[in-house]
Every structure is written in C-alpha cells, then in structure tokens.
C-alpha cells in the first residue's frame, strides 16, 4: 500500500521563516527534514518541537552556497529517508535558505555578489537538480523570493536581481516538470521582522516605521505570516496552483 504521509525538505529551517515553515508543515501532517548551516542546536530544537507534535523530523547540515557539497548531502538525505522515514523518496522541496545584505552599486564587492548568486540562484538551481531524481511525481518545489523584485528600494540591486532570476527560472521549471505533475511556485515575503540582513526590519526603529507606513495592513510581517502559506502550497488544496508568484507582504507599497 502506498505511504500517504508526505515528506518535505526545508533548507534553512533552524530559524526565522524556515523554522515557521517546518512547524506549519508538521501541523498539516507532513514529515519534515530541515537543513541548517551553522545553528545545529537550534535545528535540533525545531526537530524536537515537530516530534513533540507527533510528526517525524530530522536535521542535516548544508551550505547552500557550496554546490560541491550537494552530492554528499544527497547521500546523507537518502540515508535519513530510509532510516528515519522508511522512505526512498520525498515530496516537497522548499528552497528557503538565504543571506541578505544591502549595498549601493558603488559599494558592491565581487565577494558580496558571488555569495548572493551562489546561495540564492546557483544553489537553488543545482540543489533542485540534485533532489529531483528522488522526488515523487505529483510533488512540488517552492522557491523563496522577495517583495523587492516588485518594490524599488536602493541598496538591494544584487539581492533583488538574483531573486528575480530565480522567479523567472521557476516558471520555466514548472513547464519542464509538468509531465511529472510537479508544481513549482514562488513565495515572495515582504519586509519581515527576523534577524535577516542584521535584523534591520525588526531592530531598526526608523526602518520599522517606514515599513509600517507603507503597508496596507499597518505593520511589518512576522515569520508566522509566511509559514502557513508555504504549508498550504504543499497540500492538495493547492493542487491547481502552479508557476505562480505569491507575494505575502500585507499589501506593501501598493
């Protein structure tokens, strides 16, 4: 008999948006594997919360900016699927891991540029490539973008640029994977109060005030505003949503 329990892989799931995604996926009855870069203890805490809620979970180390490590990660992931989930394949890939950084064009360094490209574009493309052979048909890929591909704010030309690239690639990937009934969608958060980009939205009162004034619902976003949308896209209720960019920003800069 087919195992009805779905399994999701969430990159960058130890904190912030990824943590909330993992918890919301578990609430939907989906088992979860999260990755972390350096925050192992935080990742294990997320796993413990998911297991306490009655779902299975695991955490694996991954640097999404280093494609040379993807082969070893795929092997580790396959082993965890077998040992912890009694599965050979998984269902949903959420490419969430990311890094921020603001720099005006005159201040952009090649190192900053390369990091953003490697993590947000190159890493997303090649991790997806590596995972597709063990993804079940009828599954899904969710790529995280940003409201900054629509909103013009000085200092984020590189960050917004690489996110725009992954948005374009996601639509094409949806067409390529259509024969396997794998859906590919984009979730684009607005300004969220996390430690992302040094906690600028959460900790800088002036930025927080500007975001609040520019948002129709009158506040910056919280991680809890995003995870449920990602979890919804991993359910049958979203089975006819494909190749879409869903902005989750409370109506920012309308």
C-alpha atoms as a PDB file:
ATOM      1  CA  UNK A   1       0.000   0.000   0.000  1.00  0.00           C
ATOM      2  CA  UNK A   2       1.239   3.496  -0.827  1.00  0.00           C
ATOM      3  CA  UNK A   3       2.551   5.513   2.101  1.00  0.00           C
ATOM      4  CA  UNK A   4       0.219   8.515   2.324  1.00  0.00           C
ATOM      5  CA  UNK A   5       2.499  10.545   4.584  1.00  0.00           C
ATOM      6  CA  UNK A   6       4.269  13.273   2.647  1.00  0.00           C
ATOM      7  CA  UNK A   7       7.828  14.417   3.357  1.00  0.00           C
ATOM      8  CA  UNK A   8       9.159  17.940   2.872  1.00  0.00           C
ATOM      9  CA  UNK A   9      12.740  19.231   2.781  1.00  0.00           C
ATOM     10  CA  UNK A  10      13.125  22.812   4.034  1.00  0.00           C
ATOM     11  CA  UNK A  11      16.517  24.465   3.609  1.00  0.00           C
ATOM     12  CA  UNK A  12      17.467  26.976   6.272  1.00  0.00           C
ATOM     13  CA  UNK A  13      14.928  25.565   8.713  1.00  0.00           C
ATOM     14  CA  UNK A  14      16.647  26.257  12.020  1.00  0.00           C
ATOM     15  CA  UNK A  15      15.360  29.815  12.476  1.00  0.00           C
ATOM     16  CA  UNK A  16      13.191  32.597  11.109  1.00  0.00           C
ATOM     17  CA  UNK A  17      10.931  31.871   8.180  1.00  0.00           C
ATOM     18  CA  UNK A  18      12.248  28.344   7.631  1.00  0.00           C
ATOM     19  CA  UNK A  19      11.521  27.332  11.213  1.00  0.00           C
ATOM     20  CA  UNK A  20       7.932  28.507  10.938  1.00  0.00           C
ATOM     21  CA  UNK A  21       7.554  26.720   7.597  1.00  0.00           C
ATOM     22  CA  UNK A  22       8.729  23.475   9.159  1.00  0.00           C
ATOM     23  CA  UNK A  23       6.331  23.786  12.100  1.00  0.00           C
ATOM     24  CA  UNK A  24       3.374  24.663   9.863  1.00  0.00           C
ATOM     25  CA  UNK A  25       4.138  21.768   7.520  1.00  0.00           C
ATOM     26  CA  UNK A  26       4.092  19.417  10.511  1.00  0.00           C
ATOM     27  CA  UNK A  27       0.706  20.808  11.513  1.00  0.00           C
ATOM     28  CA  UNK A  28      -0.538  19.758   8.066  1.00  0.00           C
ATOM     29  CA  UNK A  29       0.556  16.182   8.776  1.00  0.00           C
ATOM     30  CA  UNK A  30       3.712  16.392   6.666  1.00  0.00           C
ATOM     31  CA  UNK A  31       7.009  14.954   7.936  1.00  0.00           C
ATOM     32  CA  UNK A  32       9.934  17.350   7.669  1.00  0.00           C
ATOM     33  CA  UNK A  33      13.682  17.352   7.095  1.00  0.00           C
ATOM     34  CA  UNK A  34      15.310  20.722   7.711  1.00  0.00           C
ATOM     35  CA  UNK A  35      18.805  21.892   6.905  1.00  0.00           C
ATOM     36  CA  UNK A  36      20.985  24.265   8.878  1.00  0.00           C
ATOM     37  CA  UNK A  37      24.254  25.976   8.040  1.00  0.00           C
ATOM     38  CA  UNK A  38      25.830  26.521  11.470  1.00  0.00           C
ATOM     39  CA  UNK A  39      22.979  26.571  14.003  1.00  0.00           C
ATOM     40  CA  UNK A  40      22.825  22.867  14.851  1.00  0.00           C
ATOM     41  CA  UNK A  41      21.331  23.264  18.332  1.00  0.00           C
ATOM     42  CA  UNK A  42      18.553  25.495  17.030  1.00  0.00           C
ATOM     43  CA  UNK A  43      17.839  22.981  14.278  1.00  0.00           C
ATOM     44  CA  UNK A  44      17.623  20.116  16.748  1.00  0.00           C
ATOM     45  CA  UNK A  45      15.206  22.189  18.824  1.00  0.00           C
ATOM     46  CA  UNK A  46      12.945  22.562  15.776  1.00  0.00           C
ATOM     47  CA  UNK A  47      13.125  18.793  15.233  1.00  0.00           C
ATOM     48  CA  UNK A  48      12.158  18.231  18.870  1.00  0.00           C
ATOM     49  CA  UNK A  49       9.157  20.559  18.549  1.00  0.00           C
ATOM     50  CA  UNK A  50       7.951  18.716  15.456  1.00  0.00           C
ATOM     51  CA  UNK A  51       8.378  15.322  17.081  1.00  0.00           C
ATOM     52  CA  UNK A  52       6.569  16.516  20.198  1.00  0.00           C
ATOM     53  CA  UNK A  53       3.651  17.393  17.928  1.00  0.00           C
ATOM     54  CA  UNK A  54       3.572  13.808  16.667  1.00  0.00           C
ATOM     55  CA  UNK A  55       5.361  14.047  13.331  1.00  0.00           C
ATOM     56  CA  UNK A  56       8.743  12.725  12.243  1.00  0.00           C
ATOM     57  CA  UNK A  57      11.612  15.131  11.604  1.00  0.00           C
ATOM     58  CA  UNK A  58      15.359  15.292  11.060  1.00  0.00           C
ATOM     59  CA  UNK A  59      18.053  17.943  10.596  1.00  0.00           C
ATOM     60  CA  UNK A  60      21.059  17.878   8.258  1.00  0.00           C
ATOM     61  CA  UNK A  61      23.926  20.326   7.763  1.00  0.00           C
ATOM     62  CA  UNK A  62      24.082  22.057   4.379  1.00  0.00           C
ATOM     63  CA  UNK A  63      25.766  25.130   2.944  1.00  0.00           C
ATOM     64  CA  UNK A  64      23.522  26.042   0.025  1.00  0.00           C
ATOM     65  CA  UNK A  65      26.217  28.325  -1.365  1.00  0.00           C
ATOM     66  CA  UNK A  66      28.670  25.434  -1.903  1.00  0.00           C
ATOM     67  CA  UNK A  67      27.408  23.200  -4.687  1.00  0.00           C
ATOM     68  CA  UNK A  68      30.435  20.925  -4.291  1.00  0.00           C
ATOM     69  CA  UNK A  69      28.802  19.549  -1.136  1.00  0.00           C
ATOM     70  CA  UNK A  70      25.465  18.705  -2.726  1.00  0.00           C
ATOM     71  CA  UNK A  71      26.456  15.158  -3.688  1.00  0.00           C
ATOM     72  CA  UNK A  72      27.375  14.241  -0.116  1.00  0.00           C
ATOM     73  CA  UNK A  73      24.223  15.954   1.139  1.00  0.00           C
ATOM     74  CA  UNK A  74      22.044  13.974  -1.281  1.00  0.00           C
ATOM     75  CA  UNK A  75      23.603  10.760   0.027  1.00  0.00           C
ATOM     76  CA  UNK A  76      23.001  11.777   3.650  1.00  0.00           C
ATOM     77  CA  UNK A  77      19.470  12.826   2.846  1.00  0.00           C
ATOM     78  CA  UNK A  78      18.775   9.486   1.151  1.00  0.00           C
ATOM     79  CA  UNK A  79      20.099   7.638   4.189  1.00  0.00           C
ATOM     80  CA  UNK A  80      17.890   9.664   6.529  1.00  0.00           C
ATOM     81  CA  UNK A  81      14.843   9.000   4.354  1.00  0.00           C
ATOM     82  CA  UNK A  82      15.455   5.276   4.717  1.00  0.00           C
ATOM     83  CA  UNK A  83      16.436   5.179   8.373  1.00  0.00           C
ATOM     84  CA  UNK A  84      14.012   7.670   9.892  1.00  0.00           C
ATOM     85  CA  UNK A  85      11.092   7.788   7.457  1.00  0.00           C
ATOM     86  CA  UNK A  86      11.205   4.303   5.886  1.00  0.00           C
ATOM     87  CA  UNK A  87      11.065   6.031   2.503  1.00  0.00           C
ATOM     88  CA  UNK A  88      13.051   6.089  -0.706  1.00  0.00           C
ATOM     89  CA  UNK A  89      11.684   9.393  -1.984  1.00  0.00           C
ATOM     90  CA  UNK A  90      10.245  12.683  -0.772  1.00  0.00           C
ATOM     91  CA  UNK A  91       7.556  15.088  -1.951  1.00  0.00           C
ATOM     92  CA  UNK A  92       8.278  18.788  -1.430  1.00  0.00           C
ATOM     93  CA  UNK A  93      11.432  20.882  -1.719  1.00  0.00           C
ATOM     94  CA  UNK A  94      11.320  24.348  -0.134  1.00  0.00           C
ATOM     95  CA  UNK A  95      14.363  26.377  -1.175  1.00  0.00           C
ATOM     96  CA  UNK A  96      14.307  28.840   1.715  1.00  0.00           C
ATOM     97  CA  UNK A  97      17.922  29.216   2.892  1.00  0.00           C
ATOM     98  CA  UNK A  98      19.306  32.641   2.201  1.00  0.00           C
ATOM     99  CA  UNK A  99      21.536  35.535   3.162  1.00  0.00           C
ATOM    100  CA  UNK A 100      20.857  39.249   2.948  1.00  0.00           C
ATOM    101  CA  UNK A 101      22.942  42.351   2.566  1.00  0.00           C
ATOM    102  CA  UNK A 102      22.444  45.937   1.469  1.00  0.00           C
ATOM    103  CA  UNK A 103      24.965  47.808  -0.665  1.00  0.00           C
ATOM    104  CA  UNK A 104      24.639  50.676  -3.101  1.00  0.00           C
ATOM    105  CA  UNK A 105      26.094  49.927  -6.517  1.00  0.00           C
ATOM    106  CA  UNK A 106      29.299  51.822  -5.776  1.00  0.00           C
ATOM    107  CA  UNK A 107      29.864  49.660  -2.699  1.00  0.00           C
ATOM    108  CA  UNK A 108      29.045  46.231  -4.121  1.00  0.00           C
ATOM    109  CA  UNK A 109      32.014  43.881  -3.908  1.00  0.00           C
ATOM    110  CA  UNK A 110      32.560  40.784  -6.003  1.00  0.00           C
ATOM    111  CA  UNK A 111      32.532  38.700  -2.822  1.00  0.00           C
ATOM    112  CA  UNK A 112      29.094  40.075  -1.883  1.00  0.00           C
ATOM    113  CA  UNK A 113      27.842  39.500  -5.423  1.00  0.00           C
ATOM    114  CA  UNK A 114      29.201  35.948  -5.589  1.00  0.00           C
ATOM    115  CA  UNK A 115      27.720  34.994  -2.207  1.00  0.00           C
ATOM    116  CA  UNK A 116      24.241  36.166  -3.167  1.00  0.00           C
ATOM    117  CA  UNK A 117      24.383  34.480  -6.571  1.00  0.00           C
ATOM    118  CA  UNK A 118      25.728  31.225  -5.136  1.00  0.00           C
ATOM    119  CA  UNK A 119      23.207  30.948  -2.313  1.00  0.00           C
ATOM    120  CA  UNK A 120      20.048  32.277  -3.940  1.00  0.00           C
ATOM    121  CA  UNK A 121      20.410  31.320  -7.594  1.00  0.00           C
ATOM    122  CA  UNK A 122      23.145  28.791  -8.287  1.00  0.00           C
ATOM    123  CA  UNK A 123      22.479  26.885  -5.073  1.00  0.00           C
ATOM    124  CA  UNK A 124      18.734  26.775  -5.647  1.00  0.00           C
ATOM    125  CA  UNK A 125      19.104  25.557  -9.223  1.00  0.00           C
ATOM    126  CA  UNK A 126      21.626  22.830  -8.513  1.00  0.00           C
ATOM    127  CA  UNK A 127      20.073  21.607  -5.264  1.00  0.00           C
ATOM    128  CA  UNK A 128      16.776  21.262  -7.108  1.00  0.00           C
ATOM    129  CA  UNK A 129      18.576  19.375  -9.864  1.00  0.00           C
ATOM    130  CA  UNK A 130      20.153  17.052  -7.296  1.00  0.00           C
ATOM    131  CA  UNK A 131      16.872  16.393  -5.473  1.00  0.00           C
ATOM    132  CA  UNK A 132      14.535  15.859  -8.441  1.00  0.00           C
ATOM    133  CA  UNK A 133      15.571  12.230  -9.092  1.00  0.00           C
ATOM    134  CA  UNK A 134      14.305  11.242  -5.630  1.00  0.00           C
ATOM    135  CA  UNK A 135      11.207  13.468  -5.609  1.00  0.00           C
ATOM    136  CA  UNK A 136       7.858  11.789  -6.057  1.00  0.00           C
ATOM    137  CA  UNK A 137       5.811  12.670  -9.116  1.00  0.00           C
ATOM    138  CA  UNK A 138       2.972  14.924  -8.045  1.00  0.00           C
ATOM    139  CA  UNK A 139       5.205  16.717  -5.553  1.00  0.00           C
ATOM    140  CA  UNK A 140       6.259  20.329  -5.506  1.00  0.00           C
ATOM    141  CA  UNK A 141       9.062  22.869  -5.402  1.00  0.00           C
ATOM    142  CA  UNK A 142       8.656  26.188  -3.606  1.00  0.00           C
ATOM    143  CA  UNK A 143      11.316  28.816  -4.166  1.00  0.00           C
ATOM    144  CA  UNK A 144      11.536  31.796  -1.833  1.00  0.00           C
ATOM    145  CA  UNK A 145      11.802  35.186  -3.446  1.00  0.00           C
ATOM    146  CA  UNK A 146      11.171  38.671  -2.072  1.00  0.00           C
ATOM    147  CA  UNK A 147       8.834  41.614  -2.391  1.00  0.00           C
ATOM    148  CA  UNK A 148      11.920  43.516  -3.553  1.00  0.00           C
ATOM    149  CA  UNK A 149      11.554  42.114  -7.072  1.00  0.00           C
ATOM    150  CA  UNK A 150       8.490  44.380  -7.297  1.00  0.00           C
ATOM    151  CA  UNK A 151       9.344  47.223  -4.888  1.00  0.00           C
ATOM    152  CA  UNK A 152      12.221  49.580  -5.709  1.00  0.00           C
ATOM    153  CA  UNK A 153      14.484  50.233  -2.704  1.00  0.00           C
ATOM    154  CA  UNK A 154      18.076  51.478  -3.174  1.00  0.00           C
ATOM    155  CA  UNK A 155      20.806  49.147  -1.963  1.00  0.00           C
ATOM    156  CA  UNK A 156      19.350  45.787  -2.925  1.00  0.00           C
ATOM    157  CA  UNK A 157      20.124  45.646  -6.641  1.00  0.00           C
ATOM    158  CA  UNK A 158      22.089  42.390  -6.372  1.00  0.00           C
ATOM    159  CA  UNK A 159      19.769  40.679  -3.890  1.00  0.00           C
ATOM    160  CA  UNK A 160      16.638  41.630  -5.845  1.00  0.00           C
ATOM    161  CA  UNK A 161      18.379  40.710  -9.079  1.00  0.00           C
ATOM    162  CA  UNK A 162      19.194  37.152  -8.073  1.00  0.00           C
ATOM    163  CA  UNK A 163      15.684  36.694  -6.693  1.00  0.00           C
ATOM    164  CA  UNK A 164      14.233  37.935  -9.988  1.00  0.00           C
ATOM    165  CA  UNK A 165      16.400  35.343 -11.730  1.00  0.00           C
ATOM    166  CA  UNK A 166      15.004  32.521  -9.617  1.00  0.00           C
ATOM    167  CA  UNK A 167      11.455  33.767 -10.220  1.00  0.00           C
ATOM    168  CA  UNK A 168      11.980  33.563 -13.983  1.00  0.00           C
ATOM    169  CA  UNK A 169      13.651  30.168 -13.750  1.00  0.00           C
ATOM    170  CA  UNK A 170      10.845  28.832 -11.550  1.00  0.00           C
ATOM    171  CA  UNK A 171       8.205  29.478 -14.201  1.00  0.00           C
ATOM    172  CA  UNK A 172      10.261  27.621 -16.785  1.00  0.00           C
ATOM    173  CA  UNK A 173      10.917  24.793 -14.360  1.00  0.00           C
ATOM    174  CA  UNK A 174       7.159  24.476 -13.824  1.00  0.00           C
ATOM    175  CA  UNK A 175       6.779  23.864 -17.550  1.00  0.00           C
ATOM    176  CA  UNK A 176       9.646  21.355 -17.608  1.00  0.00           C
ATOM    177  CA  UNK A 177       8.281  19.385 -14.662  1.00  0.00           C
ATOM    178  CA  UNK A 178       4.648  19.471 -15.756  1.00  0.00           C
ATOM    179  CA  UNK A 179       4.827  15.946 -17.232  1.00  0.00           C
ATOM    180  CA  UNK A 180       5.750  14.690 -13.739  1.00  0.00           C
ATOM    181  CA  UNK A 181       2.880  16.685 -12.194  1.00  0.00           C
ATOM    182  CA  UNK A 182       5.422  18.517 -10.027  1.00  0.00           C
ATOM    183  CA  UNK A 183       4.279  22.061  -9.292  1.00  0.00           C
ATOM    184  CA  UNK A 184       6.767  24.919  -8.945  1.00  0.00           C
ATOM    185  CA  UNK A 185       5.707  28.096  -7.180  1.00  0.00           C
ATOM    186  CA  UNK A 186       7.323  31.191  -5.710  1.00  0.00           C
ATOM    187  CA  UNK A 187       6.557  32.701  -2.304  1.00  0.00           C
ATOM    188  CA  UNK A 188       7.740  36.303  -2.039  1.00  0.00           C
ATOM    189  CA  UNK A 189       7.685  37.690   1.520  1.00  0.00           C
ATOM    190  CA  UNK A 190       7.596  41.403   2.148  1.00  0.00           C
ATOM    191  CA  UNK A 191       9.553  43.041   4.963  1.00  0.00           C
ATOM    192  CA  UNK A 192       9.659  40.573   7.874  1.00  0.00           C
ATOM    193  CA  UNK A 193      10.815  41.070  11.466  1.00  0.00           C
ATOM    194  CA  UNK A 194      13.604  38.496  11.779  1.00  0.00           C
ATOM    195  CA  UNK A 195      17.398  38.577  12.169  1.00  0.00           C
ATOM    196  CA  UNK A 196      17.709  38.587   8.355  1.00  0.00           C
ATOM    197  CA  UNK A 197      20.064  41.283   6.994  1.00  0.00           C
ATOM    198  CA  UNK A 198      21.223  42.027  10.501  1.00  0.00           C
ATOM    199  CA  UNK A 199      17.665  42.334  11.828  1.00  0.00           C
ATOM    200  CA  UNK A 200      17.138  45.632  10.005  1.00  0.00           C
ATOM    201  CA  UNK A 201      13.328  45.454   9.903  1.00  0.00           C
ATOM    202  CA  UNK A 202      12.998  44.093  13.440  1.00  0.00           C
ATOM    203  CA  UNK A 203      15.628  46.164  15.241  1.00  0.00           C
ATOM    204  CA  UNK A 204      15.883  49.490  13.370  1.00  0.00           C
ATOM    205  CA  UNK A 205      13.001  51.718  14.575  1.00  0.00           C
ATOM    206  CA  UNK A 206      13.187  54.003  11.550  1.00  0.00           C
ATOM    207  CA  UNK A 207      13.026  51.117   9.063  1.00  0.00           C
ATOM    208  CA  UNK A 208      10.229  49.509  11.056  1.00  0.00           C
ATOM    209  CA  UNK A 209       8.291  52.785  10.981  1.00  0.00           C
ATOM    210  CA  UNK A 210       8.753  53.190   7.216  1.00  0.00           C
ATOM    211  CA  UNK A 211       7.623  49.629   6.517  1.00  0.00           C
ATOM    212  CA  UNK A 212       4.583  50.083   8.743  1.00  0.00           C
ATOM    213  CA  UNK A 213       3.587  53.285   6.935  1.00  0.00           C
ATOM    214  CA  UNK A 214       3.998  51.645   3.521  1.00  0.00           C
ATOM    215  CA  UNK A 215       1.977  48.504   4.339  1.00  0.00           C
ATOM    216  CA  UNK A 216      -1.795  48.432   3.918  1.00  0.00           C
ATOM    217  CA  UNK A 217      -2.294  46.205   6.968  1.00  0.00           C
ATOM    218  CA  UNK A 218      -0.236  48.588   9.067  1.00  0.00           C
ATOM    219  CA  UNK A 219       2.688  46.542  10.334  1.00  0.00           C
ATOM    220  CA  UNK A 220       5.808  44.665   9.184  1.00  0.00           C
ATOM    221  CA  UNK A 221       5.466  40.930   8.683  1.00  0.00           C
ATOM    222  CA  UNK A 222       6.305  38.160  11.128  1.00  0.00           C
ATOM    223  CA  UNK A 223       7.674  34.681  10.396  1.00  0.00           C
ATOM    224  CA  UNK A 224       4.259  33.320  11.368  1.00  0.00           C
ATOM    225  CA  UNK A 225       2.757  35.179   8.407  1.00  0.00           C
ATOM    226  CA  UNK A 226       4.764  33.137   5.886  1.00  0.00           C
ATOM    227  CA  UNK A 227       4.970  29.513   7.021  1.00  0.00           C
ATOM    228  CA  UNK A 228       1.279  28.782   6.631  1.00  0.00           C
ATOM    229  CA  UNK A 229       1.315  29.902   3.005  1.00  0.00           C
ATOM    230  CA  UNK A 230       4.195  27.540   2.224  1.00  0.00           C
ATOM    231  CA  UNK A 231       2.446  24.706   4.066  1.00  0.00           C
ATOM    232  CA  UNK A 232      -0.769  25.349   2.111  1.00  0.00           C
ATOM    233  CA  UNK A 233       1.135  25.039  -1.175  1.00  0.00           C
ATOM    234  CA  UNK A 234       2.202  21.553  -0.042  1.00  0.00           C
ATOM    235  CA  UNK A 235      -1.382  20.307   0.228  1.00  0.00           C
ATOM    236  CA  UNK A 236      -3.962  19.028  -2.231  1.00  0.00           C
ATOM    237  CA  UNK A 237      -5.934  22.253  -1.709  1.00  0.00           C
ATOM    238  CA  UNK A 238      -3.212  23.947  -3.786  1.00  0.00           C
ATOM    239  CA  UNK A 239      -3.033  21.254  -6.444  1.00  0.00           C
ATOM    240  CA  UNK A 240      -4.030  23.657  -9.262  1.00  0.00           C
ATOM    241  CA  UNK A 241      -1.626  26.437  -8.292  1.00  0.00           C
ATOM    242  CA  UNK A 242       1.439  26.260 -10.496  1.00  0.00           C
ATOM    243  CA  UNK A 243       4.097  28.669 -11.808  1.00  0.00           C
ATOM    244  CA  UNK A 244       2.760  31.462  -9.587  1.00  0.00           C
ATOM    245  CA  UNK A 245       4.480  34.207  -7.625  1.00  0.00           C
ATOM    246  CA  UNK A 246       2.557  34.661  -4.387  1.00  0.00           C
ATOM    247  CA  UNK A 247       3.569  37.812  -2.558  1.00  0.00           C
ATOM    248  CA  UNK A 248       2.959  37.684   1.191  1.00  0.00           C
ATOM    249  CA  UNK A 249       3.560  41.256   2.306  1.00  0.00           C
ATOM    250  CA  UNK A 250       0.379  42.590   3.896  1.00  0.00           C
ATOM    251  CA  UNK A 251      -0.026  44.914   0.930  1.00  0.00           C
ATOM    252  CA  UNK A 252       3.364  46.632   0.997  1.00  0.00           C
ATOM    253  CA  UNK A 253       3.930  49.598  -1.335  1.00  0.00           C
ATOM    254  CA  UNK A 254       0.686  49.160  -3.237  1.00  0.00           C
END
